[in-house]
Amino acid sequence: MHIAWLGKKSPFCGNVTYGREVTNALRDRGYQVSFLHFDPTSDPPSAGEDVGQEVSLPCLYKSQLYTLPSPGASQALLQALRTLRPDVVHASLTLSPLDFSLPELCQELGLPLVATFHPPFTARRLNLASGTQFLTYQLYAPCLANYTRVIVFSQGQLNLLARLGVPEERLMVIPNGVDTRKYTPGTTSLKAELQAACVFVYQGRIALEKNVEAMLNAWRQADMGSDAKLLMVGNGPLASSLMSAFGPEQGVLWLGFVAQESERIRILQGADVFLLPSLVEGLSLSLLEAMACGLACVATDAGADGEALEGGAGIVLDTQGVTSQLKPLLPMLAEQPEFRQILGHKARQRVLERYTLEGNLARLEALYTEVCARPQVRA
């Protein structure tokens, strides 16, 4: 089977990781995968050009959140798909205007179209971030109703889209998956390097929707002492202002964006507690990676993160009042290694039960087989 995957290769975000992990695994399983992505420096492929396994589509702008295609991007994509002649198109949606024309384009070619819909969400519209994301879901719902199938990460996300008018039979829950052979408990020299008895980690964007300032305020108010360190892994628009307010003198260490996966794994394997205070989420890959490495995990119930930790696999916070909830939790976790170990073991088991890359790929393969078996009608 030949899959044309439309996704992102940069800048780094969960969508990039999702596309890389899934397409690499599909190739390992013998599938032919052509990766189509936006590149502001690219020229559109010419008619008859051998585009190979990777196709660059022209764009004017792209960021972690949004992509603005060039005026000729739709025609370039159409030409590339005509040349590739795949069995199915899988769009890991990049939040761009092109997303809305994909169903018509694929119908013209007689190709089944699968989408993975990534935008974070919350069932409760209680803040600016969650309200903005709800508008995104409202905007996309009529378009998603025209895709052959739409993959979402949780039942809550499915229920939200169904309420907004996407036919439920077109929706399918396939959560993010983690390679549990790479992301596994281990030991590193991290604590010795940091001269710390307990290491907490946040990994993600330093942005409003991640609510990191509330977490940092709780850390400062808890007065964690010199034996505990909080590692901030990632970058974003709020990084510079927060770095000036929270620094090494308070045990907060800013590592910035860590590009090497092996180093990110080393950090997780050497740490004790993973913190994720988000206001909105989809299903955080960073959280699942930390769970797979056996960390005690604390996250809000935004998106599907609370679902991942429910039933004792971690500590679930309300998205409102994160500072007051975290303030007593942080010293308790720092002072009770046995409790951390119990939580870490349960987190690892939860990933093995629900969120392995291998298990979720099997469901994706079944979906491809199903949509390719349906007769496709050309426009």
Protein backbone atom coordinates (compact mmCIF):
# COMPACT_ATOMS: atom_id res chain seq x y z
CA MET A 1 0.00 0.00 0.00
CA HIS A 2 1.21 3.49 -0.88
CA ILE A 3 0.41 6.27 1.61
CA ALA A 4 0.79 9.96 0.79
CA TRP A 5 1.37 11.62 4.17
CA LEU A 6 0.77 15.37 4.35
CA GLY A 7 2.32 16.74 7.51
CA LYS A 8 5.05 18.86 9.12
CA LYS A 9 8.81 18.46 9.36
CA SER A 10 9.46 21.77 11.13
CA PRO A 11 9.34 23.74 13.38
CA PHE A 12 9.45 21.15 16.14
CA CYS A 13 6.10 20.38 17.77
CA GLY A 14 3.91 17.39 18.60
CA ASN A 15 2.65 17.21 15.01
CA VAL A 16 6.25 16.87 13.77
CA THR A 17 6.98 14.07 16.24
CA TYR A 18 3.71 12.30 15.41
CA GLY A 19 4.42 12.38 11.67
CA ARG A 20 8.02 11.22 12.04
CA GLU A 21 7.25 8.34 14.38
CA VAL A 22 4.24 7.04 12.46
CA THR A 23 5.73 7.29 8.96
CA ASN A 24 9.02 5.69 10.03
CA ALA A 25 7.12 2.83 11.65
CA LEU A 26 4.92 2.37 8.57
CA ARG A 27 8.01 2.13 6.37
CA ASP A 28 9.47 -0.43 8.77
CA ARG A 29 6.29 -2.46 8.23
CA GLY A 30 6.76 -2.46 4.47
CA TYR A 31 4.48 0.41 3.42
CA GLN A 32 5.51 2.87 0.73
CA VAL A 33 5.22 6.34 2.29
CA SER A 34 5.61 9.63 0.45
CA PHE A 35 5.97 12.59 2.84
CA LEU A 36 4.52 15.90 1.62
CA HIS A 37 5.30 18.98 3.70
CA PHE A 38 5.48 22.75 3.46
CA ASP A 39 8.79 24.51 2.86
CA PRO A 40 9.01 28.29 2.26
CA THR A 41 12.21 27.81 0.20
CA SER A 42 10.77 25.19 -2.16
CA ASP A 43 9.52 25.39 -5.72
CA PRO A 44 6.45 23.34 -6.65
CA PRO A 45 7.21 20.04 -8.46
CA SER A 46 6.90 20.30 -12.22
CA ALA A 47 4.62 18.05 -14.26
CA GLY A 48 6.11 14.60 -14.72
CA GLU A 49 8.92 15.21 -12.19
CA ASP A 50 9.95 12.17 -10.13
CA VAL A 51 9.03 13.43 -6.66
CA GLY A 52 10.26 10.37 -4.76
CA GLN A 53 9.59 9.80 -1.07
CA GLU A 54 9.56 13.48 -0.09
CA VAL A 55 7.71 16.40 -1.67
CA SER A 56 8.14 20.04 -0.61
CA LEU A 57 5.13 22.30 -1.10
CA PRO A 58 5.52 26.09 -1.29
CA CYS A 59 4.36 28.23 1.60
CA LEU A 60 4.60 31.85 2.67
CA TYR A 61 4.84 31.22 6.42
CA LYS A 62 4.80 28.39 8.94
CA SER A 63 5.04 28.17 12.70
CA GLN A 64 4.35 25.64 15.43
CA LEU A 65 0.67 26.61 15.30
CA TYR A 66 -0.18 27.64 11.75
CA THR A 67 0.88 27.31 8.09
CA LEU A 68 0.09 29.75 5.30
CA PRO A 69 0.50 28.03 1.89
CA SER A 70 1.62 29.90 -1.22
CA PRO A 71 -1.11 30.68 -3.75
CA GLY A 72 0.04 27.78 -5.94
CA ALA A 73 0.27 25.19 -3.15
CA SER A 74 -3.08 23.54 -3.90
CA GLN A 75 -2.19 23.02 -7.57
CA ALA A 76 1.28 21.78 -6.56
CA LEU A 77 -0.28 19.24 -4.21
CA LEU A 78 -2.73 18.10 -6.88
CA GLN A 79 0.12 17.62 -9.37
CA ALA A 80 2.21 15.71 -6.82
CA LEU A 81 -0.65 13.34 -5.97
CA ARG A 82 -1.32 12.72 -9.66
CA THR A 83 2.34 11.77 -10.07
CA LEU A 84 2.54 9.67 -6.89
CA ARG A 85 -0.77 7.85 -7.41
CA PRO A 86 -1.07 6.74 -3.75
CA ASP A 87 -3.72 4.41 -2.38
CA VAL A 88 -4.67 6.78 0.43
CA VAL A 89 -3.90 10.33 1.55
CA HIS A 90 -3.32 10.88 5.28
CA ALA A 91 -3.29 14.54 6.36
CA SER A 92 -1.81 15.22 9.78
CA LEU A 93 -3.57 18.55 9.79
CA THR A 94 -1.24 21.52 9.93
CA LEU A 95 -3.92 24.17 10.54
CA SER A 96 -3.79 25.90 7.18
CA PRO A 97 -6.31 27.09 4.56
CA LEU A 98 -5.37 24.08 2.43
CA ASP A 99 -7.02 21.78 4.99
CA PHE A 100 -10.42 23.03 3.81
CA SER A 101 -9.84 22.22 0.12
CA LEU A 102 -8.32 18.76 0.66
CA PRO A 103 -11.63 16.84 0.54
CA GLU A 104 -12.56 18.32 -2.84
CA LEU A 105 -9.04 17.78 -4.18
CA CYS A 106 -8.95 14.12 -3.13
CA GLN A 107 -12.47 13.56 -4.44
CA GLU A 108 -11.30 14.86 -7.82
CA LEU A 109 -8.56 12.20 -7.80
CA GLY A 110 -10.78 9.45 -6.38
CA LEU A 111 -8.55 9.03 -3.30
CA PRO A 112 -9.69 8.22 0.26
CA LEU A 113 -8.68 10.97 2.68
CA VAL A 114 -7.83 10.34 6.33
CA ALA A 115 -7.10 13.18 8.75
CA THR A 116 -5.49 13.31 12.15
CA PHE A 117 -6.93 16.32 13.97
CA HIS A 118 -4.40 17.63 16.48
CA PRO A 119 -5.65 20.92 17.98
CA PRO A 120 -5.81 20.94 21.78
CA PHE A 121 -9.18 21.18 23.47
CA THR A 122 -10.99 21.25 26.76
CA ALA A 123 -14.60 20.40 27.47
CA ARG A 124 -14.92 23.55 29.58
CA ARG A 125 -14.60 26.99 27.99
CA LEU A 126 -13.32 28.78 31.05
CA ASN A 127 -10.40 30.86 29.74
CA LEU A 128 -9.03 32.64 26.70
CA ALA A 129 -6.93 29.70 25.54
CA SER A 130 -9.75 27.15 25.74
CA GLY A 131 -12.22 29.55 24.12
CA THR A 132 -9.89 30.11 21.17
CA GLN A 133 -9.43 26.38 20.68
CA PHE A 134 -13.19 25.82 20.79
CA LEU A 135 -13.54 28.31 17.92
CA THR A 136 -10.99 26.25 15.98
CA TYR A 137 -13.15 23.16 16.44
CA GLN A 138 -16.25 25.07 15.36
CA LEU A 139 -14.45 26.32 12.25
CA TYR A 140 -13.12 22.90 11.26
CA ALA A 141 -16.16 20.72 11.97
CA PRO A 142 -18.02 21.34 8.65
CA CYS A 143 -14.81 20.61 6.73
CA LEU A 144 -13.96 17.45 8.70
CA ALA A 145 -17.42 16.08 7.89
CA ASN A 146 -16.19 15.73 4.28
CA TYR A 147 -13.08 13.66 5.12
CA THR A 148 -13.32 9.89 4.65
CA ARG A 149 -12.26 9.31 8.27
CA VAL A 150 -10.95 11.58 11.04
CA ILE A 151 -8.59 10.29 13.72
CA VAL A 152 -8.82 11.91 17.16
CA PHE A 153 -6.93 11.12 20.35
CA SER A 154 -9.71 10.57 22.87
CA GLN A 155 -13.40 9.94 23.36
CA GLY A 156 -13.83 13.46 24.70
CA GLN A 157 -12.44 14.92 21.49
CA LEU A 158 -14.72 12.64 19.46
CA ASN A 159 -17.76 13.72 21.48
CA LEU A 160 -16.93 17.40 20.96
CA LEU A 161 -16.63 17.06 17.17
CA ALA A 162 -19.79 14.95 17.02
CA ARG A 163 -21.69 17.69 18.91
CA LEU A 164 -20.40 20.15 16.31
CA GLY A 165 -21.84 18.11 13.45
CA VAL A 166 -19.12 15.71 12.29
CA PRO A 167 -20.83 12.34 11.62
CA GLU A 168 -19.79 10.00 14.42
CA GLU A 169 -19.23 7.11 12.01
CA ARG A 170 -16.44 9.14 10.38
CA LEU A 171 -14.59 9.63 13.67
CA MET A 172 -12.14 7.12 15.15
CA VAL A 173 -10.15 7.27 18.38
CA ILE A 174 -6.51 6.29 17.92
CA PRO A 175 -4.42 7.88 20.70
CA ASN A 176 -0.83 8.99 20.37
CA GLY A 177 1.57 6.11 20.81
CA VAL A 178 5.06 5.85 22.29
CA ASP A 179 7.91 3.55 21.28
CA THR A 180 8.26 1.83 24.66
CA ARG A 181 11.57 0.27 23.65
CA LYS A 182 13.19 3.71 23.41
CA TYR A 183 11.17 5.40 26.13
CA THR A 184 11.76 3.10 29.06
CA PRO A 185 12.88 3.48 32.69
CA GLY A 186 16.63 3.79 33.13
CA THR A 187 19.35 5.45 35.15
CA THR A 188 21.52 8.41 34.15
CA SER A 189 23.97 10.76 35.84
CA LEU A 190 21.54 13.68 35.71
CA LYS A 191 21.04 14.04 39.48
CA ALA A 192 24.78 13.93 40.15
CA GLU A 193 25.36 16.59 37.48
CA LEU A 194 22.72 18.84 39.01
CA GLN A 195 23.63 17.97 42.64
CA ALA A 196 19.94 17.35 43.28
CA ALA A 197 18.05 14.81 45.37
CA CYS A 198 14.86 15.21 43.30
CA VAL A 199 14.45 16.46 39.73
CA PHE A 200 11.20 17.80 38.28
CA VAL A 201 10.78 18.31 34.52
CA TYR A 202 8.51 20.41 32.35
CA GLN A 203 8.80 19.77 28.60
CA GLY A 204 6.80 21.75 26.06
CA ARG A 205 6.14 25.20 24.65
CA ILE A 206 6.67 28.14 26.96
CA ALA A 207 3.37 29.73 25.98
CA LEU A 208 0.12 31.01 27.45
CA GLU A 209 -1.88 27.84 26.82
CA LYS A 210 0.70 25.75 28.72
CA ASN A 211 0.10 27.75 31.92
CA VAL A 212 3.76 27.48 32.95
CA GLU A 213 3.71 30.69 35.00
CA ALA A 214 1.18 29.14 37.40
CA MET A 215 3.49 26.14 37.83
CA LEU A 216 6.52 28.39 38.41
CA ASN A 217 4.62 30.46 40.97
CA ALA A 218 3.76 27.27 42.87
CA TRP A 219 7.43 26.24 42.79
CA ARG A 220 8.53 29.59 44.24
CA GLN A 221 5.80 29.61 46.89
CA ALA A 222 6.59 26.03 47.95
CA ASP A 223 10.21 27.09 48.67
CA MET A 224 11.62 23.79 47.40
CA GLY A 225 15.16 24.29 48.71
CA SER A 226 18.49 23.50 47.10
CA ASP A 227 17.98 19.71 46.90
CA ALA A 228 15.21 19.97 44.30
CA LYS A 229 15.57 21.24 40.74
CA LEU A 230 13.00 22.09 38.08
CA LEU A 231 14.19 21.65 34.49
CA MET A 232 12.38 23.70 31.86
CA VAL A 233 12.78 21.99 28.47
CA GLY A 234 11.41 23.93 25.52
CA ASN A 235 11.03 27.42 24.15
CA GLY A 236 8.28 29.84 23.25
CA PRO A 237 7.02 33.41 23.39
CA LEU A 238 6.98 33.65 27.20
CA ALA A 239 10.44 32.15 27.74
CA SER A 240 12.48 35.35 28.04
CA SER A 241 10.14 37.10 30.49
CA LEU A 242 9.77 34.02 32.70
CA MET A 243 13.50 33.32 32.68
CA SER A 244 14.10 36.76 34.16
CA ALA A 245 11.61 36.09 36.97
CA PHE A 246 12.50 32.47 37.80
CA GLY A 247 16.13 31.39 37.76
CA PRO A 248 18.82 29.10 39.21
CA GLU A 249 18.68 30.81 42.59
CA GLN A 250 15.20 29.27 42.93
CA GLY A 251 16.26 25.91 41.51
CA VAL A 252 14.74 26.57 38.06
CA LEU A 253 17.06 25.64 35.17
CA TRP A 254 16.18 26.66 31.61
CA LEU A 255 17.50 24.19 29.03
CA GLY A 256 15.72 25.63 26.00
CA PHE A 257 14.79 23.43 23.06
CA VAL A 258 16.61 20.08 23.23
CA ALA A 259 16.83 18.81 19.64
CA GLN A 260 18.46 15.43 20.28
CA GLU A 261 15.91 12.77 21.16
CA SER A 262 18.56 10.74 22.99
CA GLU A 263 19.25 13.71 25.28
CA ARG A 264 15.55 14.23 25.96
CA ILE A 265 15.28 10.54 26.90
CA ARG A 266 18.36 10.87 29.14
CA ILE A 267 16.73 13.78 30.96
CA LEU A 268 13.50 11.84 31.51
CA GLN A 269 15.32 8.72 32.69
CA GLY A 270 17.29 10.75 35.21
CA ALA A 271 14.33 12.76 36.54
CA ASP A 272 11.67 11.91 39.13
CA VAL A 273 8.54 13.96 38.40
CA PHE A 274 6.98 15.32 35.20
CA LEU A 275 4.75 18.42 35.39
CA LEU A 276 2.26 19.57 32.75
CA PRO A 277 -0.02 22.46 33.88
CA SER A 278 -1.73 23.12 30.50
CA LEU A 279 -5.00 24.99 30.06
CA VAL A 280 -5.72 23.12 26.80
CA GLU A 281 -4.18 19.97 25.29
CA GLY A 282 -4.81 17.24 22.77
CA LEU A 283 -2.99 14.21 24.12
CA SER A 284 0.50 15.29 25.08
CA LEU A 285 3.27 13.14 23.60
CA SER A 286 5.66 14.61 26.16
CA LEU A 287 3.41 13.33 28.94
CA LEU A 288 3.22 9.85 27.39
CA GLU A 289 7.00 9.76 26.96
CA ALA A 290 7.49 10.68 30.62
CA MET A 291 4.96 8.02 31.67
CA ALA A 292 6.78 5.43 29.54
CA CYS A 293 10.05 6.34 31.27
CA GLY A 294 8.44 5.67 34.64
CA LEU A 295 8.21 9.21 36.02
CA ALA A 296 5.59 10.25 38.54
CA CYS A 297 3.36 12.48 36.43
CA VAL A 298 1.23 15.47 37.39
CA ALA A 299 -0.97 17.04 34.70
CA THR A 300 -4.19 18.97 34.36
CA ASP A 301 -7.36 17.41 32.99
CA ALA A 302 -7.02 19.43 29.77
CA GLY A 303 -7.74 17.48 26.60
CA ALA A 304 -7.08 13.77 27.07
CA ASP A 305 -4.23 14.14 29.57
CA GLY A 306 -6.51 13.53 32.55
CA GLU A 307 -7.86 10.44 30.82
CA ALA A 308 -4.30 9.13 30.42
CA LEU A 309 -3.61 9.52 34.16
CA GLU A 310 -7.02 8.59 35.57
CA GLY A 311 -7.42 5.69 37.98
CA GLY A 312 -4.12 6.19 39.81
CA ALA A 313 -1.66 6.38 36.88
CA GLY A 314 -0.76 9.90 37.97
CA ILE A 315 -2.04 13.01 39.72
CA VAL A 316 -4.71 14.98 37.84
CA LEU A 317 -5.18 18.69 38.54
CA ASP A 318 -8.05 20.98 37.63
CA THR A 319 -7.08 23.51 34.96
CA GLN A 320 -8.24 26.27 37.30
CA GLY A 321 -6.17 27.11 40.37
CA VAL A 322 -3.03 25.20 39.33
CA THR A 323 -0.78 27.23 41.65
CA SER A 324 -2.79 26.46 44.78
CA GLN A 325 -3.07 22.78 43.88
CA LEU A 326 0.63 22.35 43.09
CA LYS A 327 2.02 24.26 46.08
CA PRO A 328 1.47 21.44 48.65
CA LEU A 329 2.07 18.66 46.09
CA LEU A 330 5.58 19.69 45.07
CA PRO A 331 7.28 19.27 48.49
CA MET A 332 5.30 16.09 49.17
CA LEU A 333 6.57 14.52 45.93
CA ALA A 334 10.11 15.70 46.63
CA GLU A 335 10.12 14.16 50.09
CA GLN A 336 8.47 10.79 49.30
CA PRO A 337 10.55 8.69 46.85
CA GLU A 338 8.45 5.57 47.50
CA PHE A 339 5.29 7.41 46.44
CA ARG A 340 7.06 8.66 43.30
CA GLN A 341 8.11 5.12 42.44
CA ILE A 342 4.56 3.78 42.81
CA LEU A 343 3.19 6.52 40.54
CA GLY A 344 5.96 5.96 38.02
CA HIS A 345 5.30 2.23 37.87
CA LYS A 346 1.59 2.80 37.34
CA ALA A 347 2.30 5.39 34.63
CA ARG A 348 4.51 2.94 32.73
CA GLN A 349 1.87 0.22 32.97
CA ARG A 350 -0.81 2.59 31.65
CA VAL A 351 1.30 3.32 28.57
CA LEU A 352 1.86 -0.39 27.97
CA GLU A 353 -1.89 -0.98 28.21
CA ARG A 354 -3.16 1.90 26.03
CA TYR A 355 -0.50 4.02 24.37
CA THR A 356 2.13 1.89 22.64
CA LEU A 357 3.14 2.93 19.14
CA GLU A 358 2.93 -0.69 17.97
CA GLY A 359 -0.62 -1.19 19.19
CA ASN A 360 -1.90 2.07 17.75
CA LEU A 361 -0.21 1.39 14.40
CA ALA A 362 -2.17 -1.84 14.15
CA ARG A 363 -5.39 0.17 14.43
CA LEU A 364 -4.15 2.63 11.82
CA GLU A 365 -3.36 -0.23 9.42
CA ALA A 366 -6.87 -1.58 9.87
CA LEU A 367 -8.28 1.87 9.10
CA TYR A 368 -6.23 2.14 5.88
CA THR A 369 -7.46 -1.28 4.78
CA GLU A 370 -11.05 -0.25 5.46
CA VAL A 371 -10.99 3.05 3.55
CA CYS A 372 -9.09 1.59 0.60
CA ALA A 373 -11.69 -1.14 0.25
CA ARG A 374 -14.47 1.43 -0.24
CA PRO A 375 -15.31 2.48 -3.80
CA GLN A 376 -14.17 6.05 -4.39
CA VAL A 377 -16.20 8.35 -6.63
CA ARG A 378 -14.34 10.95 -8.69
CA ALA A 379 -15.85 14.42 -8.85
